[in-house]
Amino acid sequence: SETGTPQGGVISPLLANIALHGMENMLKEYISQRPMRDQHGKA
């Protein structure tokens, strides 16, 4: 078993959540730094 955490293990869901942790923060950090304007052209 060179990769993965097998489904069926008690701890596997927790390990999968740890692996995917940070996705939301990464996207919000990217959006916060991206220049954007509203419908009226204001930054």
All heavy atoms as atom14 arrays in JSON, in Angstrom:
{
  "sequence": "SETGTPQGGVISPLLANIALHGMENMLKEYISQRPMRDQHGKA",
  "atom14_mask": [
    [1, 1, 1, 1, 1, 1, 0, 0, 0, 0, 0, 0, 0, 0],
    [1, 1, 1, 1, 1, 1, 1, 1, 1, 0, 0, 0, 0, 0],
    [1, 1, 1, 1, 1, 1, 1, 0, 0, 0, 0, 0, 0, 0],
    [1, 1, 1, 1, 0, 0, 0, 0, 0, 0, 0, 0, 0, 0],
    [1, 1, 1, 1, 1, 1, 1, 0, 0, 0, 0, 0, 0, 0],
    [1, 1, 1, 1, 1, 1, 1, 0, 0, 0, 0, 0, 0, 0],
    [1, 1, 1, 1, 1, 1, 1, 1, 1, 0, 0, 0, 0, 0],
    [1, 1, 1, 1, 0, 0, 0, 0, 0, 0, 0, 0, 0, 0],
    [1, 1, 1, 1, 0, 0, 0, 0, 0, 0, 0, 0, 0, 0],
    [1, 1, 1, 1, 1, 1, 1, 0, 0, 0, 0, 0, 0, 0],
    [1, 1, 1, 1, 1, 1, 1, 1, 0, 0, 0, 0, 0, 0],
    [1, 1, 1, 1, 1, 1, 0, 0, 0, 0, 0, 0, 0, 0],
    [1, 1, 1, 1, 1, 1, 1, 0, 0, 0, 0, 0, 0, 0],
    [1, 1, 1, 1, 1, 1, 1, 1, 0, 0, 0, 0, 0, 0],
    [1, 1, 1, 1, 1, 1, 1, 1, 0, 0, 0, 0, 0, 0],
    [1, 1, 1, 1, 1, 0, 0, 0, 0, 0, 0, 0, 0, 0],
    [1, 1, 1, 1, 1, 1, 1, 1, 0, 0, 0, 0, 0, 0],
    [1, 1, 1, 1, 1, 1, 1, 1, 0, 0, 0, 0, 0, 0],
    [1, 1, 1, 1, 1, 0, 0, 0, 0, 0, 0, 0, 0, 0],
    [1, 1, 1, 1, 1, 1, 1, 1, 0, 0, 0, 0, 0, 0],
    [1, 1, 1, 1, 1, 1, 1, 1, 1, 1, 0, 0, 0, 0],
    [1, 1, 1, 1, 0, 0, 0, 0, 0, 0, 0, 0, 0, 0],
    [1, 1, 1, 1, 1, 1, 1, 1, 0, 0, 0, 0, 0, 0],
    [1, 1, 1, 1, 1, 1, 1, 1, 1, 0, 0, 0, 0, 0],
    [1, 1, 1, 1, 1, 1, 1, 1, 0, 0, 0, 0, 0, 0],
    [1, 1, 1, 1, 1, 1, 1, 1, 0, 0, 0, 0, 0, 0],
    [1, 1, 1, 1, 1, 1, 1, 1, 0, 0, 0, 0, 0, 0],
    [1, 1, 1, 1, 1, 1, 1, 1, 1, 0, 0, 0, 0, 0],
    [1, 1, 1, 1, 1, 1, 1, 1, 1, 0, 0, 0, 0, 0],
    [1, 1, 1, 1, 1, 1, 1, 1, 1, 1, 1, 1, 0, 0],
    [1, 1, 1, 1, 1, 1, 1, 1, 0, 0, 0, 0, 0, 0],
    [1, 1, 1, 1, 1, 1, 0, 0, 0, 0, 0, 0, 0, 0],
    [1, 1, 1, 1, 1, 1, 1, 1, 1, 0, 0, 0, 0, 0],
    [1, 1, 1, 1, 1, 1, 1, 1, 1, 1, 1, 0, 0, 0],
    [1, 1, 1, 1, 1, 1, 1, 0, 0, 0, 0, 0, 0, 0],
    [1, 1, 1, 1, 1, 1, 1, 1, 0, 0, 0, 0, 0, 0],
    [1, 1, 1, 1, 1, 1, 1, 1, 1, 1, 1, 0, 0, 0],
    [1, 1, 1, 1, 1, 1, 1, 1, 0, 0, 0, 0, 0, 0],
    [1, 1, 1, 1, 1, 1, 1, 1, 1, 0, 0, 0, 0, 0],
    [1, 1, 1, 1, 1, 1, 1, 1, 1, 1, 0, 0, 0, 0],
    [1, 1, 1, 1, 0, 0, 0, 0, 0, 0, 0, 0, 0, 0],
    [1, 1, 1, 1, 1, 1, 1, 1, 1, 0, 0, 0, 0, 0],
    [1, 1, 1, 1, 1, 0, 0, 0, 0, 0, 0, 0, 0, 0]
  ],
  "atom14_positions": [
    [[0.87, -1.19, 0.0], [0.0, 0.0, 0.0], [0.9, 1.23, 0.0], [1.34, 1.69, 1.05], [-0.93, -0.01, 1.22], [-0.19, -0.22, 2.4], [0.0, 0.0, 0.0], [0.0, 0.0, 0.0], [0.0, 0.0, 0.0], [0.0, 0.0, 0.0], [0.0, 0.0, 0.0], [0.0, 0.0, 0.0], [0.0, 0.0, 0.0], [0.0, 0.0, 0.0]],
    [[1.16, 1.75, -1.18], [2.09, 2.87, -1.34], [1.41, 4.23, -1.23], [2.05, 5.22, -0.94], [2.82, 2.74, -2.68], [3.65, 1.46, -2.78], [4.28, 1.29, -4.15], [3.95, 2.09, -5.05], [5.09, 0.37, -4.32], [0.0, 0.0, 0.0], [0.0, 0.0, 0.0], [0.0, 0.0, 0.0], [0.0, 0.0, 0.0], [0.0, 0.0, 0.0]],
    [[0.11, 4.26, -1.49], [-0.66, 5.52, -1.37], [-2.01, 5.2, -0.75], [-2.45, 4.05, -0.74], [-0.88, 6.18, -2.74], [-1.61, 5.28, -3.58], [0.44, 6.56, -3.39], [0.0, 0.0, 0.0], [0.0, 0.0, 0.0], [0.0, 0.0, 0.0], [0.0, 0.0, 0.0], [0.0, 0.0, 0.0], [0.0, 0.0, 0.0], [0.0, 0.0, 0.0]],
    [[-2.66, 6.24, -0.26], [-4.05, 6.12, 0.19], [-4.2, 5.69, 1.64], [-3.28, 5.18, 2.27], [0.0, 0.0, 0.0], [0.0, 0.0, 0.0], [0.0, 0.0, 0.0], [0.0, 0.0, 0.0], [0.0, 0.0, 0.0], [0.0, 0.0, 0.0], [0.0, 0.0, 0.0], [0.0, 0.0, 0.0], [0.0, 0.0, 0.0], [0.0, 0.0, 0.0]],
    [[-5.4, 5.96, 2.16], [-5.82, 5.49, 3.47], [-7.09, 4.69, 3.26], [-8.11, 5.25, 2.86], [-6.02, 6.66, 4.45], [-6.66, 6.2, 5.63], [-6.86, 7.79, 3.84], [0.0, 0.0, 0.0], [0.0, 0.0, 0.0], [0.0, 0.0, 0.0], [0.0, 0.0, 0.0], [0.0, 0.0, 0.0], [0.0, 0.0, 0.0], [0.0, 0.0, 0.0]],
    [[-7.08, 3.38, 3.45], [-8.16, 2.51, 2.98], [-9.5, 2.8, 3.63], [-9.59, 2.99, 4.84], [-7.66, 1.1, 3.35], [-6.68, 1.32, 4.45], [-6.03, 2.63, 4.16], [0.0, 0.0, 0.0], [0.0, 0.0, 0.0], [0.0, 0.0, 0.0], [0.0, 0.0, 0.0], [0.0, 0.0, 0.0], [0.0, 0.0, 0.0], [0.0, 0.0, 0.0]],
    [[-10.54, 2.83, 2.8], [-11.9, 2.96, 3.32], [-12.22, 1.7, 4.11], [-11.96, 0.6, 3.66], [-12.9, 3.13, 2.18], [-12.73, 4.42, 1.41], [-13.83, 4.61, 0.39], [-14.98, 4.73, 0.75], [-13.47, 4.68, -0.88], [0.0, 0.0, 0.0], [0.0, 0.0, 0.0], [0.0, 0.0, 0.0], [0.0, 0.0, 0.0], [0.0, 0.0, 0.0]],
    [[-12.81, 1.87, 5.25], [-13.1, 0.74, 6.13], [-12.39, 0.86, 7.46], [-12.81, 0.29, 8.45], [0.0, 0.0, 0.0], [0.0, 0.0, 0.0], [0.0, 0.0, 0.0], [0.0, 0.0, 0.0], [0.0, 0.0, 0.0], [0.0, 0.0, 0.0], [0.0, 0.0, 0.0], [0.0, 0.0, 0.0], [0.0, 0.0, 0.0], [0.0, 0.0, 0.0]],
    [[-11.3, 1.63, 7.48], [-10.59, 1.87, 8.73], [-11.3, 2.94, 9.56], [-11.87, 3.88, 9.01], [0.0, 0.0, 0.0], [0.0, 0.0, 0.0], [0.0, 0.0, 0.0], [0.0, 0.0, 0.0], [0.0, 0.0, 0.0], [0.0, 0.0, 0.0], [0.0, 0.0, 0.0], [0.0, 0.0, 0.0], [0.0, 0.0, 0.0], [0.0, 0.0, 0.0]],
    [[-11.26, 2.8, 10.88], [-11.94, 3.75, 11.76], [-11.36, 5.15, 11.62], [-12.07, 6.15, 11.67], [-11.85, 3.27, 13.23], [-12.49, 4.27, 14.18], [-12.5, 1.89, 13.38], [0.0, 0.0, 0.0], [0.0, 0.0, 0.0], [0.0, 0.0, 0.0], [0.0, 0.0, 0.0], [0.0, 0.0, 0.0], [0.0, 0.0, 0.0], [0.0, 0.0, 0.0]],
    [[-10.05, 5.23, 11.43], [-9.37, 6.53, 11.39], [-9.31, 7.12, 9.99], [-8.93, 8.28, 9.81], [-7.95, 6.39, 11.98], [-7.43, 7.75, 12.47], [-6.99, 5.74, 10.99], [-6.15, 7.67, 13.25], [0.0, 0.0, 0.0], [0.0, 0.0, 0.0], [0.0, 0.0, 0.0], [0.0, 0.0, 0.0], [0.0, 0.0, 0.0], [0.0, 0.0, 0.0]],
    [[-9.69, 6.34, 8.97], [-9.55, 6.79, 7.58], [-10.32, 8.07, 7.26], [-9.77, 8.97, 6.61], [-9.99, 5.68, 6.62], [-9.12, 4.58, 6.71], [0.0, 0.0, 0.0], [0.0, 0.0, 0.0], [0.0, 0.0, 0.0], [0.0, 0.0, 0.0], [0.0, 0.0, 0.0], [0.0, 0.0, 0.0], [0.0, 0.0, 0.0], [0.0, 0.0, 0.0]],
    [[-11.58, 8.24, 7.68], [-12.28, 9.5, 7.4], [-11.57, 10.72, 7.99], [-11.52, 11.78, 7.37], [-13.66, 9.29, 8.02], [-13.85, 7.83, 8.07], [-12.48, 7.27, 8.32], [0.0, 0.0, 0.0], [0.0, 0.0, 0.0], [0.0, 0.0, 0.0], [0.0, 0.0, 0.0], [0.0, 0.0, 0.0], [0.0, 0.0, 0.0], [0.0, 0.0, 0.0]],
    [[-11.03, 10.58, 9.21], [-10.31, 11.69, 9.84], [-9.06, 12.02, 9.04], [-8.76, 13.2, 8.8], [-9.96, 11.33, 11.28], [-9.1, 12.35, 12.04], [-9.8, 13.7, 12.12], [-8.76, 11.83, 13.43], [0.0, 0.0, 0.0], [0.0, 0.0, 0.0], [0.0, 0.0, 0.0], [0.0, 0.0, 0.0], [0.0, 0.0, 0.0], [0.0, 0.0, 0.0]],
    [[-8.31, 11.0, 8.6], [-7.09, 11.25, 7.82], [-7.42, 11.91, 6.49], [-6.68, 12.79, 6.03], [-6.34, 9.93, 7.6], [-5.81, 9.22, 8.85], [-5.06, 7.95, 8.46], [-4.89, 10.14, 9.66], [0.0, 0.0, 0.0], [0.0, 0.0, 0.0], [0.0, 0.0, 0.0], [0.0, 0.0, 0.0], [0.0, 0.0, 0.0], [0.0, 0.0, 0.0]],
    [[-8.53, 11.5, 5.86], [-8.94, 12.13, 4.6], [-9.3, 13.59, 4.81], [-8.96, 14.45, 3.98], [-10.11, 11.36, 3.99], [0.0, 0.0, 0.0], [0.0, 0.0, 0.0], [0.0, 0.0, 0.0], [0.0, 0.0, 0.0], [0.0, 0.0, 0.0], [0.0, 0.0, 0.0], [0.0, 0.0, 0.0], [0.0, 0.0, 0.0], [0.0, 0.0, 0.0]],
    [[-9.99, 13.9, 5.91], [-10.33, 15.29, 6.21], [-9.07, 16.13, 6.46], [-9.0, 17.29, 6.06], [-11.25, 15.35, 7.44], [-12.72, 15.3, 7.07], [-13.1, 15.66, 5.95], [-13.55, 14.84, 7.99], [0.0, 0.0, 0.0], [0.0, 0.0, 0.0], [0.0, 0.0, 0.0], [0.0, 0.0, 0.0], [0.0, 0.0, 0.0], [0.0, 0.0, 0.0]],
    [[-8.08, 15.52, 7.12], [-6.82, 16.24, 7.36], [-6.12, 16.52, 6.03], [-5.59, 17.61, 5.8], [-5.91, 15.43, 8.3], [-6.54, 15.35, 9.7], [-4.52, 16.05, 8.38], [-5.81, 14.42, 10.65], [0.0, 0.0, 0.0], [0.0, 0.0, 0.0], [0.0, 0.0, 0.0], [0.0, 0.0, 0.0], [0.0, 0.0, 0.0], [0.0, 0.0, 0.0]],
    [[-6.14, 15.52, 5.14], [-5.49, 15.69, 3.84], [-6.13, 16.82, 3.03], [-5.43, 17.57, 2.33], [-5.55, 14.38, 3.05], [0.0, 0.0, 0.0], [0.0, 0.0, 0.0], [0.0, 0.0, 0.0], [0.0, 0.0, 0.0], [0.0, 0.0, 0.0], [0.0, 0.0, 0.0], [0.0, 0.0, 0.0], [0.0, 0.0, 0.0], [0.0, 0.0, 0.0]],
    [[-7.46, 16.97, 3.13], [-8.17, 17.97, 2.34], [-8.33, 19.3, 3.07], [-8.87, 20.26, 2.51], [-9.55, 17.44, 1.94], [-9.56, 16.22, 1.02], [-10.97, 15.72, 0.79], [-8.88, 16.53, -0.3], [0.0, 0.0, 0.0], [0.0, 0.0, 0.0], [0.0, 0.0, 0.0], [0.0, 0.0, 0.0], [0.0, 0.0, 0.0], [0.0, 0.0, 0.0]],
    [[-7.86, 19.36, 4.31], [-7.95, 20.6, 5.07], [-7.07, 21.68, 4.42], [-5.93, 21.41, 4.03], [-7.48, 20.36, 6.51], [-7.31, 21.61, 7.3], [-8.36, 22.44, 7.63], [-6.19, 22.2, 7.81], [-7.9, 23.47, 8.32], [-6.59, 23.35, 8.45], [0.0, 0.0, 0.0], [0.0, 0.0, 0.0], [0.0, 0.0, 0.0], [0.0, 0.0, 0.0]],
    [[-7.6, 22.86, 4.31], [-6.86, 23.98, 3.72], [-7.38, 24.43, 2.38], [-7.01, 25.5, 1.89], [0.0, 0.0, 0.0], [0.0, 0.0, 0.0], [0.0, 0.0, 0.0], [0.0, 0.0, 0.0], [0.0, 0.0, 0.0], [0.0, 0.0, 0.0], [0.0, 0.0, 0.0], [0.0, 0.0, 0.0], [0.0, 0.0, 0.0], [0.0, 0.0, 0.0]],
    [[-8.26, 23.62, 1.77], [-8.79, 23.98, 0.45], [-9.57, 25.29, 0.5], [-9.38, 26.19, -0.32], [-9.7, 22.85, -0.06], [-10.3, 23.12, -1.43], [-11.6, 21.91, -1.86], [-10.67, 20.39, -1.87], [0.0, 0.0, 0.0], [0.0, 0.0, 0.0], [0.0, 0.0, 0.0], [0.0, 0.0, 0.0], [0.0, 0.0, 0.0], [0.0, 0.0, 0.0]],
    [[-10.45, 25.42, 1.5], [-11.27, 26.62, 1.63], [-10.41, 27.85, 1.91], [-10.58, 28.9, 1.28], [-12.29, 26.42, 2.75], [-13.21, 27.6, 2.97], [-14.22, 27.38, 4.07], [-14.39, 26.22, 4.51], [-14.86, 28.37, 4.51], [0.0, 0.0, 0.0], [0.0, 0.0, 0.0], [0.0, 0.0, 0.0], [0.0, 0.0, 0.0], [0.0, 0.0, 0.0]],
    [[-9.46, 27.72, 2.82], [-8.59, 28.85, 3.15], [-7.73, 29.28, 1.97], [-7.5, 30.47, 1.76], [-7.71, 28.5, 4.34], [-8.49, 28.35, 5.63], [-9.57, 28.94, 5.77], [-7.98, 27.58, 6.56], [0.0, 0.0, 0.0], [0.0, 0.0, 0.0], [0.0, 0.0, 0.0], [0.0, 0.0, 0.0], [0.0, 0.0, 0.0], [0.0, 0.0, 0.0]],
    [[-7.26, 28.29, 1.19], [-6.46, 28.6, 0.01], [-7.24, 29.42, -1.0], [-6.75, 30.44, -1.52], [-5.96, 27.3, -0.63], [-5.13, 27.47, -1.9], [-6.11, 27.58, -3.44], [-6.89, 25.97, -3.5], [0.0, 0.0, 0.0], [0.0, 0.0, 0.0], [0.0, 0.0, 0.0], [0.0, 0.0, 0.0], [0.0, 0.0, 0.0], [0.0, 0.0, 0.0]],
    [[-8.49, 29.02, -1.28], [-9.31, 29.74, -2.25], [-9.67, 31.14, -1.76], [-9.65, 32.11, -2.53], [-10.57, 28.96, -2.56], [-10.41, 27.7, -3.42], [-11.74, 26.98, -3.57], [-9.83, 28.04, -4.78], [0.0, 0.0, 0.0], [0.0, 0.0, 0.0], [0.0, 0.0, 0.0], [0.0, 0.0, 0.0], [0.0, 0.0, 0.0], [0.0, 0.0, 0.0]],
    [[-9.98, 31.27, -0.48], [-10.34, 32.58, 0.05], [-9.13, 33.52, 0.06], [-9.28, 34.73, -0.18], [-10.92, 32.43, 1.45], [-12.32, 31.82, 1.43], [-13.03, 31.95, 2.75], [-14.5, 31.51, 2.62], [-15.24, 31.63, 3.88], [0.0, 0.0, 0.0], [0.0, 0.0, 0.0], [0.0, 0.0, 0.0], [0.0, 0.0, 0.0], [0.0, 0.0, 0.0]],
    [[-7.97, 32.97, 0.31], [-6.76, 33.79, 0.26], [-6.5, 34.28, -1.16], [-6.13, 35.43, -1.39], [-5.57, 32.97, 0.77], [-4.24, 33.71, 0.79], [-4.21, 34.86, 1.78], [-5.02, 34.85, 2.74], [-3.4, 35.79, 1.59], [0.0, 0.0, 0.0], [0.0, 0.0, 0.0], [0.0, 0.0, 0.0], [0.0, 0.0, 0.0], [0.0, 0.0, 0.0]],
    [[-6.73, 33.38, -2.13], [-6.54, 33.76, -3.54], [-7.53, 34.85, -3.95], [-7.16, 35.85, -4.58], [-6.71, 32.53, -4.42], [-6.86, 32.86, -5.89], [-5.78, 33.32, -6.65], [-8.11, 32.73, -6.52], [-5.95, 33.64, -7.99], [-8.28, 33.05, -7.85], [-7.19, 33.5, -8.58], [-7.35, 33.82, -9.89], [0.0, 0.0, 0.0], [0.0, 0.0, 0.0]],
    [[-8.81, 34.66, -3.57], [-9.84, 35.63, -3.93], [-9.57, 36.98, -3.28], [-9.76, 38.04, -3.89], [-11.23, 35.1, -3.53], [-11.64, 33.94, -4.45], [-12.28, 36.2, -3.59], [-11.83, 34.33, -5.89], [0.0, 0.0, 0.0], [0.0, 0.0, 0.0], [0.0, 0.0, 0.0], [0.0, 0.0, 0.0], [0.0, 0.0, 0.0], [0.0, 0.0, 0.0]],
    [[-9.1, 36.98, -2.03], [-8.88, 38.24, -1.32], [-7.79, 39.08, -1.96], [-7.78, 40.3, -1.85], [-8.54, 37.95, 0.14], [-7.29, 37.29, 0.24], [0.0, 0.0, 0.0], [0.0, 0.0, 0.0], [0.0, 0.0, 0.0], [0.0, 0.0, 0.0], [0.0, 0.0, 0.0], [0.0, 0.0, 0.0], [0.0, 0.0, 0.0], [0.0, 0.0, 0.0]],
    [[-6.83, 38.42, -2.64], [-5.73, 39.13, -3.27], [-5.99, 39.45, -4.74], [-5.25, 40.24, -5.35], [-4.44, 38.32, -3.15], [-3.99, 38.12, -1.71], [-2.74, 37.26, -1.61], [-2.22, 36.78, -2.61], [-2.27, 37.06, -0.38], [0.0, 0.0, 0.0], [0.0, 0.0, 0.0], [0.0, 0.0, 0.0], [0.0, 0.0, 0.0], [0.0, 0.0, 0.0]],
    [[-7.04, 38.85, -5.31], [-7.34, 39.08, -6.73], [-8.06, 40.41, -6.89], [-9.06, 40.67, -6.21], [-8.22, 37.95, -7.27], [-8.48, 38.02, -8.77], [-9.54, 36.98, -9.14], [-9.73, 36.88, -10.56], [-10.45, 37.7, -11.31], [-11.05, 38.74, -10.74], [-10.59, 37.49, -12.6], [0.0, 0.0, 0.0], [0.0, 0.0, 0.0], [0.0, 0.0, 0.0]],
    [[-7.61, 41.29, -7.79], [-8.31, 42.57, -8.0], [-9.68, 42.32, -8.63], [-9.8, 41.61, -9.63], [-7.38, 43.34, -8.95], [-6.52, 42.31, -9.58], [-6.38, 41.19, -8.61], [0.0, 0.0, 0.0], [0.0, 0.0, 0.0], [0.0, 0.0, 0.0], [0.0, 0.0, 0.0], [0.0, 0.0, 0.0], [0.0, 0.0, 0.0], [0.0, 0.0, 0.0]],
    [[-10.72, 42.91, -8.05], [-12.09, 42.74, -8.55], [-12.85, 44.05, -8.4], [-12.58, 44.83, -7.47], [-12.82, 41.63, -7.77], [-12.27, 40.24, -8.0], [-13.08, 39.0, -6.94], [-14.77, 39.12, -7.5], [0.0, 0.0, 0.0], [0.0, 0.0, 0.0], [0.0, 0.0, 0.0], [0.0, 0.0, 0.0], [0.0, 0.0, 0.0], [0.0, 0.0, 0.0]],
    [[-13.8, 44.26, -9.29], [-14.66, 45.45, -9.24], [-16.11, 45.02, -9.21], [-16.48, 44.0, -9.8], [-14.39, 46.37, -10.43], [-12.98, 46.97, -10.42], [-12.77, 47.97, -11.53], [-11.45, 48.57, -11.46], [-11.13, 49.61, -10.69], [-12.08, 50.19, -9.95], [-9.9, 50.08, -10.66], [0.0, 0.0, 0.0], [0.0, 0.0, 0.0], [0.0, 0.0, 0.0]],
    [[-16.93, 45.82, -8.55], [-18.35, 45.5, -8.47], [-19.07, 45.96, -9.74], [-18.44, 46.45, -10.7], [-18.98, 46.13, -7.23], [-18.86, 47.65, -7.2], [-18.63, 48.25, -8.27], [-19.01, 48.24, -6.12], [0.0, 0.0, 0.0], [0.0, 0.0, 0.0], [0.0, 0.0, 0.0], [0.0, 0.0, 0.0], [0.0, 0.0, 0.0], [0.0, 0.0, 0.0]],
    [[-20.39, 45.86, -9.76], [-21.18, 46.18, -10.96], [-21.13, 47.67, -11.31], [-21.43, 48.05, -12.44], [-22.63, 45.76, -10.74], [-23.28, 46.4, -9.52], [-24.66, 45.86, -9.26], [-25.22, 45.15, -10.09], [-25.24, 46.2, -8.12], [0.0, 0.0, 0.0], [0.0, 0.0, 0.0], [0.0, 0.0, 0.0], [0.0, 0.0, 0.0], [0.0, 0.0, 0.0]],
    [[-20.72, 48.51, -10.37], [-20.61, 49.94, -10.63], [-19.17, 50.35, -10.98], [-18.9, 51.54, -11.13], [-21.07, 50.73, -9.39], [-22.47, 50.39, -8.96], [-23.57, 50.67, -9.74], [-22.92, 49.78, -7.84], [-24.66, 50.26, -9.11], [-24.3, 49.71, -7.95], [0.0, 0.0, 0.0], [0.0, 0.0, 0.0], [0.0, 0.0, 0.0], [0.0, 0.0, 0.0]],
    [[-18.27, 49.37, -11.1], [-16.89, 49.66, -11.46], [-16.02, 50.08, -10.3], [-14.86, 50.46, -10.49], [0.0, 0.0, 0.0], [0.0, 0.0, 0.0], [0.0, 0.0, 0.0], [0.0, 0.0, 0.0], [0.0, 0.0, 0.0], [0.0, 0.0, 0.0], [0.0, 0.0, 0.0], [0.0, 0.0, 0.0], [0.0, 0.0, 0.0], [0.0, 0.0, 0.0]],
    [[-16.53, 49.97, -9.09], [-15.76, 50.36, -7.91], [-14.95, 49.17, -7.39], [-15.44, 48.03, -7.35], [-16.71, 50.86, -6.82], [-16.02, 51.4, -5.6], [-17.05, 51.9, -4.58], [-16.35, 52.41, -3.32], [-17.35, 52.89, -2.31], [0.0, 0.0, 0.0], [0.0, 0.0, 0.0], [0.0, 0.0, 0.0], [0.0, 0.0, 0.0], [0.0, 0.0, 0.0]],
    [[-13.71, 49.42, -6.99], [-12.85, 48.35, -6.48], [-13.45, 47.74, -5.21], [-13.9, 48.45, -4.32], [-11.45, 48.89, -6.19], [0.0, 0.0, 0.0], [0.0, 0.0, 0.0], [0.0, 0.0, 0.0], [0.0, 0.0, 0.0], [0.0, 0.0, 0.0], [0.0, 0.0, 0.0], [0.0, 0.0, 0.0], [0.0, 0.0, 0.0], [0.0, 0.0, 0.0]]
  ]
}
